[in-house]
Amino acid sequence: MIALDKLRTLGLAIILAWGWRRAGVALTAGALSALAMAPFNAWPVLFLTFPVMVWLIDGAGAGRLRGVPAAAMAGWWFGLGYFVPGLYWIGYAFLVDASTFAWLMPFAVLGLPAYLALFTALGFALARLIWTRGASRVIALALSLTIGEWLRGHVLSGFPWNAFGYALSEPLALAQTASLIGLWGLTFLSVAIFASPAVLIDGSSRGRTPWIAPVAALSLLVAMAIFGGVRLSLHPTADVAKVMLRIMQPNLQQDVKFNYAAKAEVMQKYLTLSDRASGPQSTGVRDASILIWPESAFPFFLTREADAMAAIADLLPKGTVLITGSVRAPDLPPGTRITRAYNSIYVIDHDGSVVSVYDKLHLVPFGEYLPFQDWMEKLGLEQLTRVQGGFIPGLRRRPMDIPNAPRALPLICYEAIFPSDVASRDDRPGWIVNLTNDGWFGISTGPYQHLQQAQLRAIEQGLPVVRAANTGISAVIDPVGRIVARLGLGVEGVLDASLPSAIAPTVYARNGDIPAAIMLAAAFLFVIRRRAAKRTS
C-alpha cells in the first residue's frame, strides 16, 4: 500500500505539473525510454516511463481546446528526449568530412529529433481527442501513438528507426509475435503493455478495476513469451545444402573508402582479406560458394575498371560468386560526363561476368540526395556522399538470381528498417542480403540498432538475413531471428557460415499490415464505445 500511495503521489504531481516542469518531466521520461533500444535492451524501464505519457495527457485536460495543444506539446518534449539519445550517432557522419559538414552536426543531432518528435506530438494530440477515463485511455494512447509511429515511418520517405515496437525485440521469444502482426502491431502492444501501470493511481473506489490493466499486460507478455518459445523450438536452424557464405568486413575508414587515390590500396585489402584463412582447416575463399562484400565497396565505378574486374575473376574459384556493393554509372553515350550514379549491388560470377544488378530504391535524404536537389545545390548545399545531383533511385526491387543458391532479396543500408520494403508476397526469395556501410556512425549504438531491426525483418518474413557491413556488425540471422554468426563492431576479418534455410511464409509475410490494422480498428471501436458509455452513465 505504501508503494501504491507513492505511485499515486507521483502520478498526481505529474498530472498537475505545468510549464517548464511539465516539459522537463516529458523530456526526462523520453530520454530514459531510449534505454529500451539496442544495445541496452532495458525494456522494463518503459514500465516507469510510459505511464508518464498517460499522466501528462491526463493533465493536459486543464488546457485550452480540450487540452489538445498541451498534450501535443508534452508529446513533442517526450519525443525530443527519446530521439536525441537514441539517434545521437547520426552526428558522427558529419565528422567524416569535418571541414565541409561539421557545422551541420548540431542541426542533425537536434534538428532530426525535433522533426521526428512532431509525430510523437501528433500521437499525444490524437490520444487527447479520444481520451477516456479508466484503463481504456491506455488503449487510446496505444492506438494514437501507433498511428503517429506509422506516419513517421512513411511521411517524406519515412524514418521508422527505433519505433517503440523494437522494445519487444529482446528476449528473442517476445519478438516472435512480429511473425503475426509485424512492427506496427508490436508498437501497439508495447505502448499498451508498458503504459498499463498508469491506471494504478485511479483510486480504490473502483475496487479491483485499477489492477486489471497491468495484470492483463503482464499476462500478455507471458503469453507472447510462451508463443515465442514454442515457435523457436519448432524452428531450429537448418542450412541450405552446399551453400557456404564468406562475409568480408574490411573495417575501412570513411576517408579511405571514398578516396579514388586509395583505389589500389582498397582493392588489395579486399582481395587479401577475402582469401584469408579463418582457421587451421580453412583454404580461404575456396571454402565459399558466395563471397559478400559490403555497400559501396569501392571509391570508383567497379565495372569501368578492367583491372579491378580482372582481379575479382582471378580471386574467385570456379563455382564461387561475389555479391558486392558499388556505385554504378548510368548507361550513357561514350564520352558523356558522369554527374550522377546509382548505389547498387552486383552479383559477379567466377569469370568476371555480371550476373545480376540491383539499384537502391529507398535513398537516404541528405545522405544520398537532397530534397529539392537543384535548388539546394544552387544555395551551395550538398549531401554527405557529395555526389553532384544526388544518387539516382532504382526502378523496382526484385529478388536477384544467385548461381547455385536460392534467389536473394537485396536491401542496401537502411532499406532494412522498412517492413514495407521487404519481400513481395507473390515473388518470395529464399533469403535477404543486406549490404550496408555503418562506418558513417563510428563506434556507437547506431550499428547495434540497425542489426536489431534486420533481425525483426527476418522474423516478420520467415527468411534468413545475411548482413555485410563495412565496419560491422556483419551477421548471419536465421528465419526466426537467431544470430548464428557475427563479426563485432570495428573488427577487420571474414565470417564463414552456412546459409540458413527459409521457413514457410509467416502470417505477416502473407498478410502484411492487415492484422495490425484490424487490431487498431478494434481498439478504436473499443475506445469510442467506452467514451459513449461514460457520457451516458
Protein backbone atom coordinates (compact mmCIF):
# COMPACT_ATOMS: atom_id res chain seq x y z
CA MET A 1 0.00 0.00 0.00
CA ILE A 2 2.85 2.39 0.78
CA ALA A 3 4.30 1.85 -2.71
CA LEU A 4 0.88 2.41 -4.28
CA ASP A 5 0.41 5.64 -2.30
CA LYS A 6 3.81 6.87 -3.50
CA LEU A 7 2.86 6.00 -7.07
CA ARG A 8 -0.38 7.98 -6.75
CA THR A 9 1.53 10.93 -5.31
CA LEU A 10 3.96 10.82 -8.23
CA GLY A 11 1.17 10.45 -10.78
CA LEU A 12 -0.78 13.38 -9.35
CA ALA A 13 2.37 15.52 -9.29
CA ILE A 14 2.92 14.84 -13.00
CA ILE A 15 -0.74 15.45 -13.83
CA LEU A 16 -0.63 18.82 -12.06
CA ALA A 17 2.79 19.85 -13.40
CA TRP A 18 2.81 22.79 -15.78
CA GLY A 19 5.22 24.96 -17.71
CA TRP A 20 8.91 24.03 -17.76
CA ARG A 21 8.42 21.45 -15.03
CA ARG A 22 5.98 19.60 -17.24
CA ALA A 23 8.38 19.84 -20.20
CA GLY A 24 11.23 18.57 -18.05
CA VAL A 25 9.22 15.55 -16.90
CA ALA A 26 8.33 14.66 -20.50
CA LEU A 27 11.92 15.18 -21.72
CA THR A 28 13.37 13.02 -18.94
CA ALA A 29 10.84 10.22 -19.45
CA GLY A 30 11.57 10.20 -23.17
CA ALA A 31 15.34 10.08 -22.64
CA LEU A 32 15.09 7.16 -20.22
CA SER A 33 12.84 5.33 -22.69
CA ALA A 34 15.73 5.22 -25.19
CA LEU A 35 17.37 2.64 -22.89
CA ALA A 36 14.81 0.11 -24.19
CA MET A 37 16.56 0.06 -27.57
CA ALA A 38 19.71 -1.81 -28.60
CA PRO A 39 22.34 -2.29 -27.35
CA PHE A 40 20.90 -1.84 -23.85
CA ASN A 41 17.52 -3.54 -24.39
CA ALA A 42 16.49 -2.42 -20.88
CA TRP A 43 12.78 -2.55 -21.81
CA PRO A 44 11.49 -2.87 -18.19
CA VAL A 45 12.32 0.84 -17.83
CA LEU A 46 9.25 1.50 -20.01
CA PHE A 47 7.01 0.34 -17.16
CA LEU A 48 8.24 3.52 -15.43
CA THR A 49 8.37 5.95 -18.35
CA PHE A 50 5.32 5.07 -20.46
CA PRO A 51 2.84 5.66 -17.59
CA VAL A 52 4.24 9.19 -17.53
CA MET A 53 2.76 9.67 -21.02
CA VAL A 54 -0.71 8.79 -19.69
CA TRP A 55 -0.40 11.19 -16.76
CA LEU A 56 0.87 14.01 -19.00
CA ILE A 57 -2.19 13.62 -21.23
CA ASP A 58 -4.44 13.43 -18.14
CA GLY A 59 -3.00 16.75 -17.00
CA ALA A 60 -3.43 18.34 -20.41
CA GLY A 61 -7.21 18.42 -19.87
CA ALA A 62 -6.84 21.68 -17.97
CA GLY A 63 -5.53 23.42 -21.08
CA ARG A 64 -7.28 25.19 -23.93
CA LEU A 65 -9.12 23.47 -26.78
CA ARG A 66 -9.87 20.36 -24.72
CA GLY A 67 -6.19 20.06 -23.87
CA VAL A 68 -5.08 19.03 -27.36
CA PRO A 69 -2.31 21.69 -27.74
CA ALA A 70 -0.98 20.96 -24.24
CA ALA A 71 -0.94 17.23 -24.96
CA ALA A 72 0.85 17.79 -28.26
CA MET A 73 3.49 19.93 -26.56
CA ALA A 74 4.09 17.26 -23.92
CA GLY A 75 4.38 14.67 -26.71
CA TRP A 76 6.93 16.80 -28.53
CA TRP A 77 9.13 17.09 -25.44
CA PHE A 78 8.82 13.35 -24.80
CA GLY A 79 9.78 12.62 -28.41
CA LEU A 80 12.73 15.02 -28.30
CA GLY A 81 14.00 13.32 -25.15
CA TYR A 82 13.61 9.91 -26.79
CA PHE A 83 15.20 10.67 -30.15
CA VAL A 84 18.25 12.73 -29.12
CA PRO A 85 19.97 9.95 -27.12
CA GLY A 86 18.61 7.30 -29.49
CA LEU A 87 19.94 8.97 -32.64
CA TYR A 88 22.95 10.97 -31.41
CA TRP A 89 25.21 8.77 -33.55
CA ILE A 90 23.96 10.49 -36.72
CA GLY A 91 26.32 13.30 -35.78
CA TYR A 92 29.34 11.08 -36.48
CA ALA A 93 28.51 11.15 -40.20
CA PHE A 94 29.12 14.91 -40.27
CA LEU A 95 32.66 14.44 -38.93
CA VAL A 96 33.82 12.18 -41.79
CA ASP A 97 34.42 15.28 -43.92
CA ALA A 98 34.56 17.69 -41.00
CA SER A 99 35.88 20.66 -42.97
CA THR A 100 32.73 20.60 -45.11
CA PHE A 101 29.99 19.27 -42.85
CA ALA A 102 30.96 19.68 -39.17
CA TRP A 103 28.99 22.91 -38.86
CA LEU A 104 25.82 20.97 -39.69
CA MET A 105 26.33 18.45 -36.89
CA PRO A 106 24.25 20.30 -34.24
CA PHE A 107 21.40 20.72 -36.73
CA ALA A 108 21.40 16.97 -37.40
CA VAL A 109 21.73 15.86 -33.77
CA LEU A 110 18.95 18.20 -32.61
CA GLY A 111 17.08 19.03 -35.81
CA LEU A 112 16.18 15.49 -36.87
CA PRO A 113 14.92 14.53 -33.38
CA ALA A 114 12.94 17.78 -33.24
CA TYR A 115 11.28 16.83 -36.54
CA LEU A 116 10.63 13.21 -35.54
CA ALA A 117 9.17 14.40 -32.23
CA LEU A 118 6.37 16.04 -34.22
CA PHE A 119 4.97 12.56 -34.83
CA THR A 120 5.04 11.80 -31.10
CA ALA A 121 3.28 15.13 -30.57
CA LEU A 122 0.67 14.08 -33.11
CA GLY A 123 0.18 10.80 -31.28
CA PHE A 124 -0.39 12.63 -27.97
CA ALA A 125 -2.79 15.07 -29.64
CA LEU A 126 -4.84 12.28 -31.25
CA ALA A 127 -4.94 10.47 -27.91
CA ARG A 128 -6.28 13.58 -26.18
CA LEU A 129 -9.05 13.87 -28.78
CA ILE A 130 -10.37 10.39 -27.92
CA TRP A 131 -9.30 10.38 -24.26
CA THR A 132 -11.40 8.45 -21.77
CA ARG A 133 -11.31 7.61 -18.08
CA GLY A 134 -10.05 4.37 -16.62
CA ALA A 135 -7.97 1.70 -18.33
CA SER A 136 -9.41 2.40 -21.77
CA ARG A 137 -7.30 5.56 -22.01
CA VAL A 138 -4.21 3.35 -22.21
CA ILE A 139 -5.71 1.76 -25.34
CA ALA A 140 -6.41 5.25 -26.70
CA LEU A 141 -2.74 6.13 -26.22
CA ALA A 142 -1.52 2.89 -27.82
CA LEU A 143 -3.80 3.44 -30.82
CA SER A 144 -2.79 7.07 -31.32
CA LEU A 145 0.94 6.58 -30.85
CA THR A 146 0.93 3.66 -33.27
CA ILE A 147 -0.70 5.89 -35.88
CA GLY A 148 1.95 8.54 -35.19
CA GLU A 149 4.76 5.98 -35.46
CA TRP A 150 3.34 4.56 -38.69
CA LEU A 151 3.26 8.05 -40.17
CA ARG A 152 6.84 8.61 -39.01
CA GLY A 153 7.76 5.52 -40.98
CA HIS A 154 6.13 6.75 -44.20
CA VAL A 155 5.88 10.56 -44.45
CA LEU A 156 8.59 12.24 -46.59
CA SER A 157 10.11 8.82 -47.39
CA GLY A 158 9.85 7.81 -43.72
CA PHE A 159 12.31 7.07 -40.91
CA PRO A 160 10.91 4.39 -38.54
CA TRP A 161 14.22 3.96 -36.71
CA ASN A 162 13.73 2.87 -33.07
CA ALA A 163 9.96 2.56 -33.39
CA PHE A 164 8.51 1.72 -29.98
CA GLY A 165 7.78 -1.84 -31.13
CA TYR A 166 11.51 -2.67 -31.11
CA ALA A 167 11.34 -2.64 -27.31
CA LEU A 168 9.86 -6.15 -27.63
CA SER A 169 12.80 -7.42 -29.73
CA GLU A 170 14.57 -8.85 -26.69
CA PRO A 171 14.39 -11.54 -25.45
CA LEU A 172 14.01 -13.25 -28.81
CA ALA A 173 10.91 -15.17 -27.69
CA LEU A 174 8.96 -11.91 -27.32
CA ALA A 175 9.98 -10.79 -30.81
CA GLN A 176 8.33 -13.83 -32.42
CA THR A 177 4.96 -12.06 -32.23
CA ALA A 178 6.23 -9.96 -35.15
CA SER A 179 5.67 -13.01 -37.34
CA LEU A 180 1.94 -12.41 -36.78
CA ILE A 181 1.48 -8.65 -36.57
CA GLY A 182 4.74 -7.04 -37.70
CA LEU A 183 6.47 -3.95 -36.34
CA TRP A 184 3.35 -1.80 -36.12
CA GLY A 185 1.41 -4.45 -34.22
CA LEU A 186 4.36 -4.73 -31.81
CA THR A 187 4.32 -0.95 -31.41
CA PHE A 188 0.66 -1.03 -30.35
CA LEU A 189 1.33 -3.84 -27.87
CA SER A 190 4.45 -2.11 -26.50
CA VAL A 191 2.59 1.07 -25.64
CA ALA A 192 -0.45 -0.76 -24.25
CA ILE A 193 1.64 -3.11 -22.10
CA PHE A 194 4.18 -0.66 -20.73
CA ALA A 195 1.74 2.20 -20.11
CA SER A 196 -0.71 -0.03 -18.20
CA PRO A 197 0.66 0.74 -14.67
CA ALA A 198 -0.62 4.32 -15.11
CA VAL A 199 -4.14 3.21 -14.14
CA LEU A 200 -2.96 2.12 -10.69
CA ILE A 201 -3.40 5.70 -9.48
CA ASP A 202 -7.10 5.72 -10.40
CA GLY A 203 -8.19 5.02 -6.82
CA SER A 204 -9.65 2.27 -4.68
CA SER A 205 -13.22 3.44 -5.28
CA ARG A 206 -13.19 1.28 -8.39
CA GLY A 207 -12.47 -1.89 -6.39
CA ARG A 208 -10.05 -4.19 -8.21
CA THR A 209 -10.53 -2.42 -11.54
CA PRO A 210 -7.20 -0.49 -11.49
CA TRP A 211 -5.31 -3.75 -11.22
CA ILE A 212 -6.92 -5.37 -14.23
CA ALA A 213 -4.91 -3.49 -16.87
CA PRO A 214 -1.38 -4.17 -15.51
CA VAL A 215 -2.25 -7.79 -14.71
CA ALA A 216 -3.63 -8.23 -18.23
CA ALA A 217 -0.48 -6.61 -19.63
CA LEU A 218 1.80 -8.97 -17.72
CA SER A 219 -0.35 -11.92 -18.79
CA LEU A 220 0.02 -10.82 -22.41
CA LEU A 221 3.80 -10.63 -22.03
CA VAL A 222 3.81 -14.16 -20.62
CA ALA A 223 1.61 -15.39 -23.49
CA MET A 224 3.95 -13.76 -26.01
CA ALA A 225 6.96 -15.40 -24.36
CA ILE A 226 5.27 -18.82 -24.43
CA PHE A 227 4.27 -18.42 -28.07
CA GLY A 228 7.78 -17.31 -28.95
CA GLY A 229 9.44 -20.10 -27.02
CA VAL A 230 7.30 -22.70 -28.77
CA ARG A 231 7.95 -21.12 -32.18
CA LEU A 232 11.70 -21.10 -31.60
CA SER A 233 11.65 -24.76 -30.56
CA LEU A 234 9.66 -25.69 -33.67
CA HIS A 235 12.15 -23.99 -35.98
CA PRO A 236 15.73 -25.00 -35.20
CA THR A 237 18.27 -23.51 -37.58
CA ALA A 238 18.57 -25.56 -40.77
CA ASP A 239 21.01 -24.86 -43.58
CA VAL A 240 20.75 -24.76 -47.36
CA ALA A 241 22.76 -27.66 -48.74
CA LYS A 242 26.08 -26.87 -50.45
CA VAL A 243 25.88 -23.10 -49.90
CA MET A 244 28.72 -21.60 -47.85
CA LEU A 245 28.99 -17.89 -47.18
CA ARG A 246 32.08 -15.79 -46.61
CA ILE A 247 31.41 -12.21 -45.49
CA MET A 248 34.38 -9.84 -45.75
CA GLN A 249 34.37 -6.97 -43.22
CA PRO A 250 37.24 -4.60 -44.13
CA ASN A 251 36.70 -2.03 -41.36
CA LEU A 252 37.80 0.77 -43.70
CA GLN A 253 37.70 4.36 -42.51
CA GLN A 254 35.36 6.56 -44.49
CA ASP A 255 38.07 8.94 -45.73
CA VAL A 256 39.78 5.95 -47.39
CA LYS A 257 36.63 4.29 -48.65
CA PHE A 258 35.63 7.31 -50.75
CA ASN A 259 39.10 8.38 -51.89
CA TYR A 260 39.84 7.46 -55.52
CA ALA A 261 43.56 7.85 -54.87
CA ALA A 262 43.27 4.89 -52.48
CA LYS A 263 41.89 2.66 -55.26
CA ALA A 264 44.80 0.20 -55.32
CA GLU A 265 45.04 0.09 -51.52
CA VAL A 266 41.32 -0.66 -51.12
CA MET A 267 41.25 -3.31 -53.81
CA GLN A 268 44.31 -5.10 -52.49
CA LYS A 269 42.90 -5.15 -48.98
CA TYR A 270 39.65 -6.68 -50.20
CA LEU A 271 41.42 -9.36 -52.21
CA THR A 272 43.87 -10.29 -49.45
CA LEU A 273 41.25 -10.29 -46.69
CA SER A 274 38.75 -12.27 -48.74
CA ASP A 275 41.24 -15.09 -49.23
CA ARG A 276 42.45 -15.12 -45.63
CA ALA A 277 42.31 -18.47 -43.85
CA SER A 278 39.80 -18.35 -40.99
CA GLY A 279 41.10 -21.45 -39.20
CA PRO A 280 43.52 -24.35 -39.43
CA GLN A 281 41.27 -26.23 -41.87
CA SER A 282 40.41 -23.17 -43.97
CA THR A 283 41.53 -22.79 -47.57
CA GLY A 284 40.38 -19.18 -47.84
CA VAL A 285 37.83 -18.13 -50.43
CA ARG A 286 37.82 -21.62 -51.94
CA ASP A 287 35.71 -22.72 -48.98
CA ALA A 288 32.89 -20.36 -50.01
CA SER A 289 30.28 -20.60 -52.71
CA ILE A 290 29.20 -16.97 -52.08
CA LEU A 291 31.63 -14.19 -51.14
CA ILE A 292 29.96 -10.99 -49.89
CA TRP A 293 31.44 -7.51 -49.71
CA PRO A 294 29.67 -4.50 -48.12
CA GLU A 295 27.82 -1.48 -49.52
CA SER A 296 29.59 0.99 -51.86
CA ALA A 297 32.73 -1.07 -51.54
CA PHE A 298 34.94 0.89 -53.95
CA PRO A 299 35.98 4.53 -54.50
CA PHE A 300 35.37 4.02 -58.24
CA PHE A 301 32.88 2.59 -60.75
CA LEU A 302 33.69 -1.10 -60.47
CA THR A 303 32.61 -2.34 -63.90
CA ARG A 304 34.50 0.52 -65.60
CA GLU A 305 37.82 -0.56 -64.07
CA ALA A 306 39.03 -3.53 -66.12
CA ASP A 307 41.91 -4.27 -63.77
CA ALA A 308 39.57 -4.48 -60.78
CA MET A 309 37.19 -6.83 -62.60
CA ALA A 310 40.12 -8.99 -63.68
CA ALA A 311 41.40 -9.14 -60.10
CA ILE A 312 37.98 -10.30 -58.93
CA ALA A 313 37.90 -13.00 -61.61
CA ASP A 314 41.36 -14.16 -60.51
CA LEU A 315 40.20 -14.26 -56.87
CA LEU A 316 37.03 -16.28 -57.39
CA PRO A 317 37.43 -20.02 -57.90
CA LYS A 318 35.01 -21.82 -60.20
CA GLY A 319 31.64 -22.20 -58.52
CA THR A 320 32.06 -19.10 -56.31
CA VAL A 321 30.24 -15.82 -56.91
CA LEU A 322 30.73 -12.38 -55.42
CA ILE A 323 27.90 -10.19 -54.10
CA THR A 324 29.21 -6.67 -53.65
CA GLY A 325 28.06 -3.13 -53.28
CA SER A 326 29.33 -0.50 -55.70
CA VAL A 327 28.33 2.83 -57.17
CA ARG A 328 27.13 2.29 -60.72
CA ALA A 329 27.32 4.75 -63.58
CA PRO A 330 24.14 5.22 -65.61
CA ASP A 331 24.07 3.99 -69.18
CA LEU A 332 25.23 6.99 -71.19
CA PRO A 333 26.80 7.50 -74.64
CA PRO A 334 30.60 7.14 -74.68
CA GLY A 335 32.41 10.32 -73.66
CA THR A 336 29.45 11.71 -71.68
CA ARG A 337 30.45 13.25 -68.35
CA ILE A 338 29.04 11.28 -65.42
CA THR A 339 27.41 13.52 -62.81
CA ARG A 340 25.06 11.09 -61.08
CA ALA A 341 25.17 7.43 -60.13
CA TYR A 342 23.27 4.53 -58.62
CA ASN A 343 24.02 2.89 -55.27
CA SER A 344 23.99 -0.72 -56.42
CA ILE A 345 24.59 -4.39 -55.72
CA TYR A 346 26.35 -6.59 -58.27
CA VAL A 347 26.40 -10.36 -58.47
CA ILE A 348 29.64 -11.29 -60.25
CA ASP A 349 30.46 -14.82 -61.42
CA HIS A 350 33.87 -16.52 -61.22
CA ASP A 351 34.71 -15.48 -64.78
CA GLY A 352 34.16 -11.79 -64.02
CA SER A 353 30.78 -11.56 -65.72
CA VAL A 354 27.93 -9.61 -64.09
CA VAL A 355 25.04 -11.98 -63.38
CA SER A 356 22.62 -9.53 -61.79
CA VAL A 357 22.34 -5.89 -60.70
CA TYR A 358 20.11 -4.10 -58.18
CA ASP A 359 19.89 -0.32 -57.81
CA LYS A 360 18.87 1.05 -54.41
CA LEU A 361 15.29 2.36 -54.38
CA HIS A 362 14.92 3.92 -50.94
CA LEU A 363 17.61 6.60 -50.83
CA VAL A 364 18.68 8.41 -47.66
CA PRO A 365 17.57 12.06 -47.55
CA PHE A 366 20.54 14.43 -47.05
CA GLY A 367 22.86 11.41 -47.24
CA GLU A 368 22.29 10.27 -50.84
CA TYR A 369 20.13 13.08 -52.16
CA LEU A 370 18.77 16.47 -51.15
CA PRO A 371 15.10 17.36 -51.18
CA PHE A 372 14.64 19.96 -53.94
CA GLN A 373 18.10 18.93 -55.14
CA ASP A 374 18.70 21.58 -57.82
CA TRP A 375 17.53 24.46 -55.67
CA MET A 376 19.55 23.39 -52.62
CA GLU A 377 22.68 22.85 -54.73
CA LYS A 378 22.34 26.41 -56.02
CA LEU A 379 22.47 27.50 -52.37
CA GLY A 380 25.80 25.69 -52.02
CA LEU A 381 24.49 22.68 -50.12
CA GLU A 382 25.36 19.07 -50.86
CA GLN A 383 24.55 15.66 -49.41
CA LEU A 384 27.04 13.71 -47.30
CA THR A 385 28.11 11.44 -50.16
CA ARG A 386 28.96 14.55 -52.24
CA VAL A 387 27.56 13.09 -55.45
CA GLN A 388 26.54 16.06 -57.58
CA GLY A 389 22.84 15.83 -58.40
CA GLY A 390 22.37 13.08 -55.82
CA PHE A 391 22.10 9.35 -56.35
CA ILE A 392 19.54 8.04 -58.82
CA PRO A 393 16.85 5.80 -57.29
CA GLY A 394 16.30 2.39 -58.83
CA LEU A 395 13.08 1.43 -60.57
CA ARG A 396 11.95 -1.64 -58.64
CA ARG A 397 13.03 -4.24 -56.10
CA ARG A 398 13.09 -7.87 -57.13
CA PRO A 399 14.95 -10.98 -56.00
CA MET A 400 18.38 -11.40 -57.56
CA ASP A 401 19.47 -14.62 -59.24
CA ILE A 402 22.42 -16.23 -57.45
CA PRO A 403 24.13 -19.15 -59.25
CA ASN A 404 23.81 -22.43 -57.32
CA ALA A 405 21.87 -20.77 -54.49
CA PRO A 406 18.34 -19.56 -53.72
CA ARG A 407 17.37 -16.16 -55.08
CA ALA A 408 18.11 -13.30 -52.70
CA LEU A 409 16.14 -10.13 -51.94
CA PRO A 410 18.63 -7.21 -51.96
CA LEU A 411 18.45 -4.44 -49.35
CA ILE A 412 21.05 -1.69 -49.22
CA CYS A 413 21.77 0.02 -45.90
CA TYR A 414 18.69 1.40 -44.15
CA GLU A 415 16.26 -0.21 -46.60
CA ALA A 416 16.26 -2.99 -43.98
CA ILE A 417 14.44 -0.77 -41.47
CA PHE A 418 11.30 -0.51 -43.63
CA PRO A 419 8.96 -3.51 -43.27
CA SER A 420 7.17 -2.48 -46.45
CA ASP A 421 10.43 -2.64 -48.43
CA VAL A 422 10.84 -6.35 -47.79
CA ALA A 423 9.66 -9.38 -49.74
CA SER A 424 6.66 -9.31 -52.03
CA ARG A 425 4.07 -11.99 -51.26
CA ASP A 426 3.92 -13.08 -54.90
CA ASP A 427 7.70 -13.27 -55.52
CA ARG A 428 9.19 -14.83 -52.39
CA PRO A 429 13.00 -15.15 -52.28
CA GLY A 430 15.00 -17.72 -50.33
CA TRP A 431 16.93 -15.16 -48.25
CA ILE A 432 17.61 -11.47 -47.74
CA VAL A 433 21.05 -9.95 -48.34
CA ASN A 434 21.64 -6.60 -46.63
CA LEU A 435 24.79 -4.70 -47.62
CA THR A 436 25.49 -1.65 -45.51
CA ASN A 437 28.16 0.85 -44.53
CA ASP A 438 27.59 1.72 -40.89
CA GLY A 439 31.09 3.16 -40.81
CA TRP A 440 29.41 6.56 -41.12
CA PHE A 441 28.29 6.18 -37.49
CA GLY A 442 31.52 5.17 -35.76
CA ILE A 443 31.64 3.02 -32.64
CA SER A 444 28.21 3.94 -31.34
CA THR A 445 24.79 2.49 -30.61
CA GLY A 446 23.64 3.02 -34.23
CA PRO A 447 25.02 -0.21 -35.76
CA TYR A 448 23.53 -2.27 -32.90
CA GLN A 449 20.13 -0.72 -33.54
CA HIS A 450 20.48 -1.37 -37.27
CA LEU A 451 21.24 -5.04 -36.59
CA GLN A 452 18.25 -5.32 -34.26
CA GLN A 453 15.95 -4.04 -36.99
CA ALA A 454 17.37 -6.52 -39.51
CA GLN A 455 16.60 -9.30 -37.02
CA LEU A 456 12.97 -8.26 -36.88
CA ARG A 457 12.73 -8.34 -40.69
CA ALA A 458 13.86 -11.97 -40.57
CA ILE A 459 11.19 -12.83 -38.01
CA GLU A 460 8.44 -10.96 -39.87
CA GLN A 461 9.13 -12.75 -43.14
CA GLY A 462 10.46 -16.13 -42.03
CA LEU A 463 13.55 -15.50 -44.16
CA PRO A 464 17.22 -15.59 -43.20
CA VAL A 465 19.07 -12.27 -43.38
CA VAL A 466 22.75 -12.08 -44.32
CA ARG A 467 24.30 -8.77 -43.41
CA ALA A 468 27.65 -7.47 -44.66
CA ALA A 469 28.79 -4.22 -43.05
CA ASN A 470 31.97 -2.26 -43.73
CA THR A 471 32.86 -1.70 -40.06
CA GLY A 472 30.33 -4.13 -38.58
CA ILE A 473 28.14 -5.57 -37.36
CA SER A 474 28.16 -8.28 -40.06
CA ALA A 475 25.92 -11.22 -39.22
CA VAL A 476 24.02 -14.24 -40.44
CA ILE A 477 20.49 -14.35 -39.00
CA ASP A 478 18.21 -17.36 -39.27
CA PRO A 479 14.49 -17.01 -40.19
CA VAL A 480 13.35 -16.76 -36.56
CA GLY A 481 15.90 -14.07 -35.68
CA ARG A 482 18.73 -16.08 -34.14
CA ILE A 483 22.16 -14.63 -34.88
CA VAL A 484 24.05 -17.76 -35.88
CA ALA A 485 27.31 -15.97 -36.76
CA ARG A 486 28.58 -12.41 -36.38
CA LEU A 487 31.62 -10.14 -36.61
CA GLY A 488 31.79 -7.42 -33.97
CA LEU A 489 31.77 -3.67 -34.47
CA GLY A 490 35.10 -2.17 -35.52
CA VAL A 491 36.65 -5.55 -36.34
CA GLU A 492 38.50 -6.48 -39.53
CA GLY A 493 38.01 -10.05 -40.68
CA VAL A 494 35.99 -12.66 -42.52
CA LEU A 495 32.92 -14.52 -41.35
CA ASP A 496 32.32 -18.03 -42.66
CA ALA A 497 28.88 -19.55 -42.20
CA SER A 498 26.26 -21.72 -43.84
CA LEU A 499 23.17 -20.09 -45.34
CA PRO A 500 20.13 -20.80 -43.14
CA SER A 501 17.05 -22.19 -44.87
CA ALA A 502 13.85 -20.18 -45.10
CA ILE A 503 10.71 -21.41 -43.37
CA ALA A 504 7.12 -21.26 -44.59
CA PRO A 505 5.74 -17.74 -45.11
CA THR A 506 4.60 -16.22 -41.82
CA VAL A 507 1.18 -14.71 -41.16
CA TYR A 508 2.80 -11.31 -41.59
CA ALA A 509 4.53 -12.35 -44.84
CA ARG A 510 1.17 -13.48 -46.25
CA ASN A 511 -0.96 -10.59 -44.98
CA GLY A 512 1.35 -7.65 -44.35
CA ASP A 513 -0.04 -4.99 -42.02
CA ILE A 514 -3.66 -6.19 -42.29
CA PRO A 515 -3.61 -7.96 -38.86
CA ALA A 516 -2.18 -4.84 -37.22
CA ALA A 517 -4.79 -2.66 -38.97
CA ILE A 518 -7.58 -4.93 -37.67
CA MET A 519 -6.10 -4.61 -34.18
CA LEU A 520 -6.10 -0.81 -34.44
CA ALA A 521 -9.65 -0.73 -35.80
CA ALA A 522 -10.85 -2.90 -32.89
CA ALA A 523 -9.05 -0.63 -30.43
CA PHE A 524 -10.69 2.44 -31.96
CA LEU A 525 -14.16 0.91 -31.69
CA PHE A 526 -13.45 -0.10 -28.09
CA VAL A 527 -12.34 3.41 -27.11
CA ILE A 528 -15.29 5.08 -28.86
CA ARG A 529 -17.74 2.74 -27.13
CA ARG A 530 -16.13 3.49 -23.77
CA ARG A 531 -16.39 7.23 -24.38
CA ALA A 532 -20.06 6.86 -25.32
CA ALA A 533 -20.72 4.74 -22.22
CA LYS A 534 -19.04 7.31 -19.95
CA ARG A 535 -21.17 10.11 -21.39
CA THR A 536 -24.43 8.25 -20.81
CA SER A 537 -23.51 7.00 -17.32
